[in-house]
């Protein structure tokens, strides 16, 4: 499973999202959209123009943000 987290340096919920993924022992790739224009373009395309971070993809499929991630976890998606 490949998890990608699109985030920025100033987003506290992005930090919390990455902390949870680490706590759950789920490896992820971080893409900082405020540091790399290519990541910003990819973020816009993959998330269909989302404007808020964090946004996550799993195996290339956009799943949403922090609350969507926690719902997936509570539903046993990562078990």
PDB file of N, CA and C in Angstrom:
ATOM      1  N   UNK A   1       0.850  -1.167   0.000  1.00  0.00           N
ATOM      2  CA  UNK A   1       0.000   0.000   0.000  1.00  0.00           C
ATOM      3  C   UNK A   1       0.896   1.230   0.000  1.00  0.00           C
ATOM      4  N   UNK A   2       0.611   2.158  -0.905  1.00  0.00           N
ATOM      5  CA  UNK A   2       1.384   3.396  -0.980  1.00  0.00           C
ATOM      6  C   UNK A   2       0.488   4.562  -0.567  1.00  0.00           C
ATOM      7  N   UNK A   3       0.888   5.220   0.520  1.00  0.00           N
ATOM      8  CA  UNK A   3       0.151   6.370   1.032  1.00  0.00           C
ATOM      9  C   UNK A   3       0.967   7.628   0.739  1.00  0.00           C
ATOM     10  N   UNK A   4       0.313   8.628   0.169  1.00  0.00           N
ATOM     11  CA  UNK A   4       0.941   9.923  -0.079  1.00  0.00           C
ATOM     12  C   UNK A   4       0.161  10.976   0.693  1.00  0.00           C
ATOM     13  N   UNK A   5       0.896  11.808   1.423  1.00  0.00           N
ATOM     14  CA  UNK A   5       0.299  12.911   2.173  1.00  0.00           C
ATOM     15  C   UNK A   5       0.762  14.215   1.541  1.00  0.00           C
ATOM     16  N   UNK A   6      -0.187  14.983   1.037  1.00  0.00           N
ATOM     17  CA  UNK A   6       0.098  16.314   0.519  1.00  0.00           C
ATOM     18  C   UNK A   6      -0.108  17.286   1.672  1.00  0.00           C
ATOM     19  N   UNK A   7       0.920  18.081   1.968  1.00  0.00           N
ATOM     20  CA  UNK A   7       0.836  18.972   3.116  1.00  0.00           C
ATOM     21  C   UNK A   7       1.648  20.233   2.896  1.00  0.00           C
ATOM     22  N   UNK A   8       1.590  21.124   3.901  1.00  0.00           N
ATOM     23  CA  UNK A   8       2.389  22.350   3.890  1.00  0.00           C
ATOM     24  C   UNK A   8       3.134  22.460   5.215  1.00  0.00           C
ATOM     25  N   UNK A   9       4.070  23.370   5.259  1.00  0.00           N
ATOM     26  CA  UNK A   9       4.870  23.573   6.462  1.00  0.00           C
ATOM     27  C   UNK A   9       4.112  24.258   7.595  1.00  0.00           C
ATOM     28  N   UNK A  10       3.006  24.902   7.293  1.00  0.00           N
ATOM     29  CA  UNK A  10       2.301  25.690   8.304  1.00  0.00           C
ATOM     30  C   UNK A  10       0.997  25.055   8.777  1.00  0.00           C
ATOM     31  N   UNK A  11       0.751  23.824   8.423  1.00  0.00           N
ATOM     32  CA  UNK A  11      -0.527  23.173   8.708  1.00  0.00           C
ATOM     33  C   UNK A  11      -0.421  22.240   9.918  1.00  0.00           C
ATOM     34  N   UNK A  12      -1.039  22.610  11.054  1.00  0.00           N
ATOM     35  CA  UNK A  12      -0.965  21.744  12.234  1.00  0.00           C
ATOM     36  C   UNK A  12      -1.702  20.411  12.065  1.00  0.00           C
ATOM     37  N   UNK A  13      -2.757  20.390  11.266  1.00  0.00           N
ATOM     38  CA  UNK A  13      -3.468  19.128  11.052  1.00  0.00           C
ATOM     39  C   UNK A  13      -2.627  18.192  10.179  1.00  0.00           C
ATOM     40  N   UNK A  14      -1.809  18.746   9.314  1.00  0.00           N
ATOM     41  CA  UNK A  14      -0.878  17.923   8.528  1.00  0.00           C
ATOM     42  C   UNK A  14       0.084  17.204   9.471  1.00  0.00           C
ATOM     43  N   UNK A  15       0.582  17.920  10.456  1.00  0.00           N
ATOM     44  CA  UNK A  15       1.497  17.330  11.437  1.00  0.00           C
ATOM     45  C   UNK A  15       0.789  16.195  12.169  1.00  0.00           C
ATOM     46  N   UNK A  16      -0.429  16.431  12.606  1.00  0.00           N
ATOM     47  CA  UNK A  16      -1.197  15.413  13.328  1.00  0.00           C
ATOM     48  C   UNK A  16      -1.454  14.188  12.443  1.00  0.00           C
ATOM     49  N   UNK A  17      -1.740  14.409  11.184  1.00  0.00           N
ATOM     50  CA  UNK A  17      -1.976  13.309  10.242  1.00  0.00           C
ATOM     51  C   UNK A  17      -0.740  12.433  10.133  1.00  0.00           C
ATOM     52  N   UNK A  18       0.413  13.046   9.983  1.00  0.00           N
ATOM     53  CA  UNK A  18       1.663  12.288   9.855  1.00  0.00           C
ATOM     54  C   UNK A  18       2.012  11.581  11.166  1.00  0.00           C
ATOM     55  N   UNK A  19       1.700  12.219  12.297  1.00  0.00           N
ATOM     56  CA  UNK A  19       1.926  11.566  13.594  1.00  0.00           C
ATOM     57  C   UNK A  19       1.061  10.308  13.717  1.00  0.00           C
ATOM     58  N   UNK A  20      -0.197  10.395  13.297  1.00  0.00           N
ATOM     59  CA  UNK A  20      -1.083   9.224  13.360  1.00  0.00           C
ATOM     60  C   UNK A  20      -0.592   8.102  12.449  1.00  0.00           C
ATOM     61  N   UNK A  21      -0.192   8.451  11.242  1.00  0.00           N
ATOM     62  CA  UNK A  21       0.314   7.422  10.329  1.00  0.00           C
ATOM     63  C   UNK A  21       1.533   6.728  10.925  1.00  0.00           C
ATOM     64  N   UNK A  22       2.417   7.502  11.535  1.00  0.00           N
ATOM     65  CA  UNK A  22       3.582   6.905  12.193  1.00  0.00           C
ATOM     66  C   UNK A  22       3.158   6.028  13.373  1.00  0.00           C
ATOM     67  N   UNK A  23       2.206   6.495  14.166  1.00  0.00           N
ATOM     68  CA  UNK A  23       1.709   5.732  15.313  1.00  0.00           C
ATOM     69  C   UNK A  23       1.102   4.408  14.864  1.00  0.00           C
ATOM     70  N   UNK A  24       0.411   4.436  13.741  1.00  0.00           N
ATOM     71  CA  UNK A  24      -0.226   3.229  13.209  1.00  0.00           C
ATOM     72  C   UNK A  24       0.737   2.384  12.376  1.00  0.00           C
ATOM     73  N   UNK A  25       2.018   2.775  12.339  1.00  0.00           N
ATOM     74  CA  UNK A  25       3.049   2.065  11.567  1.00  0.00           C
ATOM     75  C   UNK A  25       2.692   1.934  10.095  1.00  0.00           C
ATOM     76  N   UNK A  26       2.151   3.015   9.539  1.00  0.00           N
ATOM     77  CA  UNK A  26       1.808   3.055   8.123  1.00  0.00           C
ATOM     78  C   UNK A  26       2.799   3.975   7.407  1.00  0.00           C
ATOM     79  N   UNK A  27       3.685   3.405   6.616  1.00  0.00           N
ATOM     80  CA  UNK A  27       4.651   4.239   5.904  1.00  0.00           C
ATOM     81  C   UNK A  27       3.943   5.128   4.879  1.00  0.00           C
ATOM     82  N   UNK A  28       4.492   6.318   4.679  1.00  0.00           N
ATOM     83  CA  UNK A  28       3.888   7.254   3.738  1.00  0.00           C
ATOM     84  C   UNK A  28       4.963   8.116   3.097  1.00  0.00           C
ATOM     85  N   UNK A  29       4.604   8.678   1.967  1.00  0.00           N
ATOM     86  CA  UNK A  29       5.456   9.645   1.288  1.00  0.00           C
ATOM     87  C   UNK A  29       4.835  11.014   1.518  1.00  0.00           C
ATOM     88  N   UNK A  30       5.659  11.964   1.891  1.00  0.00           N
ATOM     89  CA  UNK A  30       5.203  13.327   2.135  1.00  0.00           C
ATOM     90  C   UNK A  30       5.530  14.191   0.928  1.00  0.00           C
ATOM     91  N   UNK A  31       4.551  14.961   0.462  1.00  0.00           N
ATOM     92  CA  UNK A  31       4.784  15.904  -0.633  1.00  0.00           C
ATOM     93  C   UNK A  31       4.359  17.285  -0.157  1.00  0.00           C
ATOM     94  N   UNK A  32       5.351  18.136   0.006  1.00  0.00           N
ATOM     95  CA  UNK A  32       5.124  19.489   0.506  1.00  0.00           C
ATOM     96  C   UNK A  32       4.755  20.405  -0.660  1.00  0.00           C
ATOM     97  N   UNK A  33       3.492  20.774  -0.730  1.00  0.00           N
ATOM     98  CA  UNK A  33       3.029  21.547  -1.880  1.00  0.00           C
ATOM     99  C   UNK A  33       3.453  23.011  -1.819  1.00  0.00           C
ATOM    100  N   UNK A  34       3.905  23.461  -0.656  1.00  0.00           N
ATOM    101  CA  UNK A  34       4.374  24.842  -0.549  1.00  0.00           C
ATOM    102  C   UNK A  34       5.868  24.967  -0.840  1.00  0.00           C
ATOM    103  N   UNK A  35       6.528  23.851  -1.105  1.00  0.00           N
ATOM    104  CA  UNK A  35       7.963  23.878  -1.393  1.00  0.00           C
ATOM    105  C   UNK A  35       8.285  23.492  -2.837  1.00  0.00           C
ATOM    106  N   UNK A  36       7.346  22.857  -3.515  1.00  0.00           N
ATOM    107  CA  UNK A  36       7.645  22.288  -4.832  1.00  0.00           C
ATOM    108  C   UNK A  36       6.457  22.498  -5.766  1.00  0.00           C
ATOM    109  N   UNK A  37       6.676  23.258  -6.829  1.00  0.00           N
ATOM    110  CA  UNK A  37       5.594  23.554  -7.778  1.00  0.00           C
ATOM    111  C   UNK A  37       5.055  22.285  -8.437  1.00  0.00           C
ATOM    112  N   UNK A  38       5.926  21.321  -8.676  1.00  0.00           N
ATOM    113  CA  UNK A  38       5.480  20.060  -9.283  1.00  0.00           C
ATOM    114  C   UNK A  38       4.528  19.328  -8.339  1.00  0.00           C
ATOM    115  N   UNK A  39       4.830  19.361  -7.049  1.00  0.00           N
ATOM    116  CA  UNK A  39       3.930  18.732  -6.073  1.00  0.00           C
ATOM    117  C   UNK A  39       2.598  19.468  -6.015  1.00  0.00           C
ATOM    118  N   UNK A  40       2.635  20.785  -6.137  1.00  0.00           N
ATOM    119  CA  UNK A  40       1.391  21.570  -6.137  1.00  0.00           C
ATOM    120  C   UNK A  40       0.540  21.216  -7.347  1.00  0.00           C
ATOM    121  N   UNK A  41       1.159  21.107  -8.512  1.00  0.00           N
ATOM    122  CA  UNK A  41       0.413  20.744  -9.719  1.00  0.00           C
ATOM    123  C   UNK A  41      -0.174  19.340  -9.595  1.00  0.00           C
ATOM    124  N   UNK A  42       0.615  18.420  -9.079  1.00  0.00           N
ATOM    125  CA  UNK A  42       0.148  17.049  -8.868  1.00  0.00           C
ATOM    126  C   UNK A  42      -1.005  17.026  -7.862  1.00  0.00           C
ATOM    127  N   UNK A  43      -0.856  17.761  -6.774  1.00  0.00           N
ATOM    128  CA  UNK A  43      -1.893  17.873  -5.744  1.00  0.00           C
ATOM    129  C   UNK A  43      -3.210  18.326  -6.355  1.00  0.00           C
ATOM    130  N   UNK A  44      -3.161  19.367  -7.154  1.00  0.00           N
ATOM    131  CA  UNK A  44      -4.364  19.911  -7.775  1.00  0.00           C
ATOM    132  C   UNK A  44      -5.031  18.882  -8.685  1.00  0.00           C
ATOM    133  N   UNK A  45      -4.219  18.166  -9.437  1.00  0.00           N
ATOM    134  CA  UNK A  45      -4.750  17.165 -10.379  1.00  0.00           C
ATOM    135  C   UNK A  45      -5.336  15.964  -9.631  1.00  0.00           C
ATOM    136  N   UNK A  46      -4.574  15.418  -8.712  1.00  0.00           N
ATOM    137  CA  UNK A  46      -4.971  14.199  -8.003  1.00  0.00           C
ATOM    138  C   UNK A  46      -6.206  14.425  -7.132  1.00  0.00           C
ATOM    139  N   UNK A  47      -6.316  15.616  -6.540  1.00  0.00           N
ATOM    140  CA  UNK A  47      -7.424  15.890  -5.622  1.00  0.00           C
ATOM    141  C   UNK A  47      -8.580  16.619  -6.298  1.00  0.00           C
ATOM    142  N   UNK A  48      -8.504  16.774  -7.594  1.00  0.00           N
ATOM    143  CA  UNK A  48      -9.548  17.457  -8.356  1.00  0.00           C
ATOM    144  C   UNK A  48      -9.777  18.881  -7.841  1.00  0.00           C
ATOM    145  N   UNK A  49      -8.668  19.575  -7.581  1.00  0.00           N
ATOM    146  CA  UNK A  49      -8.731  20.982  -7.201  1.00  0.00           C
ATOM    147  C   UNK A  49      -8.971  21.275  -5.735  1.00  0.00           C
ATOM    148  N   UNK A  50      -8.680  20.324  -4.858  1.00  0.00           N
ATOM    149  CA  UNK A  50      -8.851  20.571  -3.420  1.00  0.00           C
ATOM    150  C   UNK A  50      -8.043  21.790  -3.009  1.00  0.00           C
ATOM    151  N   UNK A  51      -8.531  22.496  -2.010  1.00  0.00           N
ATOM    152  CA  UNK A  51      -7.856  23.708  -1.556  1.00  0.00           C
ATOM    153  C   UNK A  51      -7.330  23.599  -0.139  1.00  0.00           C
ATOM    154  N   UNK A  52      -7.657  22.518   0.545  1.00  0.00           N
ATOM    155  CA  UNK A  52      -7.224  22.364   1.937  1.00  0.00           C
ATOM    156  C   UNK A  52      -6.278  21.179   2.064  1.00  0.00           C
ATOM    157  N   UNK A  53      -5.354  21.299   2.989  1.00  0.00           N
ATOM    158  CA  UNK A  53      -4.448  20.202   3.315  1.00  0.00           C
ATOM    159  C   UNK A  53      -4.700  19.805   4.761  1.00  0.00           C
ATOM    160  N   UNK A  54      -4.363  18.605   5.123  1.00  0.00           N
ATOM    161  CA  UNK A  54      -3.730  17.588   4.298  1.00  0.00           C
ATOM    162  C   UNK A  54      -4.748  16.898   3.395  1.00  0.00           C
ATOM    163  N   UNK A  55      -4.232  16.333   2.322  1.00  0.00           N
ATOM    164  CA  UNK A  55      -5.000  15.470   1.440  1.00  0.00           C
ATOM    165  C   UNK A  55      -4.166  14.221   1.248  1.00  0.00           C
ATOM    166  N   UNK A  56      -4.828  13.084   1.183  1.00  0.00           N
ATOM    167  CA  UNK A  56      -4.113  11.813   1.087  1.00  0.00           C
ATOM    168  C   UNK A  56      -4.584  10.999  -0.101  1.00  0.00           C
ATOM    169  N   UNK A  57      -3.653  10.226  -0.626  1.00  0.00           N
ATOM    170  CA  UNK A  57      -3.995   9.218  -1.616  1.00  0.00           C
ATOM    171  C   UNK A  57      -3.485   7.875  -1.105  1.00  0.00           C
ATOM    172  N   UNK A  58      -4.206   6.837  -1.463  1.00  0.00           N
ATOM    173  CA  UNK A  58      -3.778   5.478  -1.176  1.00  0.00           C
ATOM    174  C   UNK A  58      -3.781   4.738  -2.499  1.00  0.00           C
ATOM    175  N   UNK A  59      -2.606   4.241  -2.873  1.00  0.00           N
ATOM    176  CA  UNK A  59      -2.432   3.555  -4.153  1.00  0.00           C
ATOM    177  C   UNK A  59      -2.983   4.390  -5.306  1.00  0.00           C
ATOM    178  N   UNK A  60      -2.722   5.691  -5.245  1.00  0.00           N
ATOM    179  CA  UNK A  60      -3.107   6.601  -6.325  1.00  0.00           C
ATOM    180  C   UNK A  60      -4.539   7.094  -6.269  1.00  0.00           C
ATOM    181  N   UNK A  61      -5.339   6.600  -5.328  1.00  0.00           N
ATOM    182  CA  UNK A  61      -6.734   7.020  -5.225  1.00  0.00           C
ATOM    183  C   UNK A  61      -6.876   8.056  -4.113  1.00  0.00           C
ATOM    184  N   UNK A  62      -7.464   9.189  -4.434  1.00  0.00           N
ATOM    185  CA  UNK A  62      -7.665  10.252  -3.456  1.00  0.00           C
ATOM    186  C   UNK A  62      -8.691   9.789  -2.429  1.00  0.00           C
ATOM    187  N   UNK A  63      -8.314   9.849  -1.136  1.00  0.00           N
ATOM    188  CA  UNK A  63      -9.239   9.423  -0.091  1.00  0.00           C
ATOM    189  C   UNK A  63      -9.757  10.587   0.747  1.00  0.00           C
ATOM    190  N   UNK A  64      -9.145  11.745   0.650  1.00  0.00           N
ATOM    191  CA  UNK A  64      -9.592  12.908   1.413  1.00  0.00           C
ATOM    192  C   UNK A  64      -8.555  13.358   2.415  1.00  0.00           C
ATOM    193  N   UNK A  65      -9.040  13.917   3.526  1.00  0.00           N
ATOM    194  CA  UNK A  65      -8.156  14.506   4.514  1.00  0.00           C
ATOM    195  C   UNK A  65      -8.097  13.735   5.815  1.00  0.00           C
ATOM    196  N   UNK A  66      -7.790  14.459   6.878  1.00  0.00           N
ATOM    197  CA  UNK A  66      -7.581  13.870   8.198  1.00  0.00           C
ATOM    198  C   UNK A  66      -8.784  13.061   8.677  1.00  0.00           C
ATOM    199  N   UNK A  67      -9.980  13.646   8.613  1.00  0.00           N
ATOM    200  CA  UNK A  67     -11.165  12.936   9.111  1.00  0.00           C
ATOM    201  C   UNK A  67     -11.451  11.688   8.284  1.00  0.00           C
ATOM    202  N   UNK A  68     -11.200  11.747   6.984  1.00  0.00           N
ATOM    203  CA  UNK A  68     -11.402  10.571   6.130  1.00  0.00           C
ATOM    204  C   UNK A  68     -10.420   9.465   6.502  1.00  0.00           C
ATOM    205  N   UNK A  69      -9.190   9.857   6.800  1.00  0.00           N
ATOM    206  CA  UNK A  69      -8.181   8.890   7.221  1.00  0.00           C
ATOM    207  C   UNK A  69      -8.588   8.208   8.520  1.00  0.00           C
ATOM    208  N   UNK A  70      -9.046   8.982   9.493  1.00  0.00           N
ATOM    209  CA  UNK A  70      -9.424   8.384  10.774  1.00  0.00           C
ATOM    210  C   UNK A  70     -10.653   7.485  10.623  1.00  0.00           C
ATOM    211  N   UNK A  71     -11.579   7.854   9.751  1.00  0.00           N
ATOM    212  CA  UNK A  71     -12.737   6.991   9.497  1.00  0.00           C
ATOM    213  C   UNK A  71     -12.309   5.659   8.890  1.00  0.00           C
ATOM    214  N   UNK A  72     -11.401   5.707   7.926  1.00  0.00           N
ATOM    215  CA  UNK A  72     -10.898   4.464   7.330  1.00  0.00           C
ATOM    216  C   UNK A  72     -10.260   3.583   8.397  1.00  0.00           C
ATOM    217  N   UNK A  73      -9.484   4.200   9.270  1.00  0.00           N
ATOM    218  CA  UNK A  73      -8.833   3.440  10.338  1.00  0.00           C
ATOM    219  C   UNK A  73      -9.870   2.822  11.276  1.00  0.00           C
ATOM    220  N   UNK A  74     -10.879   3.590  11.661  1.00  0.00           N
ATOM    221  CA  UNK A  74     -11.909   3.075  12.557  1.00  0.00           C
ATOM    222  C   UNK A  74     -12.723   1.961  11.895  1.00  0.00           C
ATOM    223  N   UNK A  75     -12.834   1.998  10.578  1.00  0.00           N
ATOM    224  CA  UNK A  75     -13.562   0.955   9.839  1.00  0.00           C
ATOM    225  C   UNK A  75     -12.715  -0.282   9.596  1.00  0.00           C
ATOM    226  N   UNK A  76     -11.443  -0.266  10.029  1.00  0.00           N
ATOM    227  CA  UNK A  76     -10.578  -1.423   9.879  1.00  0.00           C
ATOM    228  C   UNK A  76      -9.895  -1.544   8.537  1.00  0.00           C
ATOM    229  N   UNK A  77      -9.878  -0.482   7.766  1.00  0.00           N
ATOM    230  CA  UNK A  77      -9.276  -0.508   6.428  1.00  0.00           C
ATOM    231  C   UNK A  77      -7.811  -0.916   6.456  1.00  0.00           C
ATOM    232  N   UNK A  78      -7.087  -0.526   7.487  1.00  0.00           N
ATOM    233  CA  UNK A  78      -5.652  -0.775   7.552  1.00  0.00           C
ATOM    234  C   UNK A  78      -5.281  -2.053   8.293  1.00  0.00           C
ATOM    235  N   UNK A  79      -6.262  -2.807   8.745  1.00  0.00           N
ATOM    236  CA  UNK A  79      -5.990  -4.056   9.477  1.00  0.00           C
ATOM    237  C   UNK A  79      -5.543  -5.172   8.538  1.00  0.00           C
TER     238      UNK A  79
END
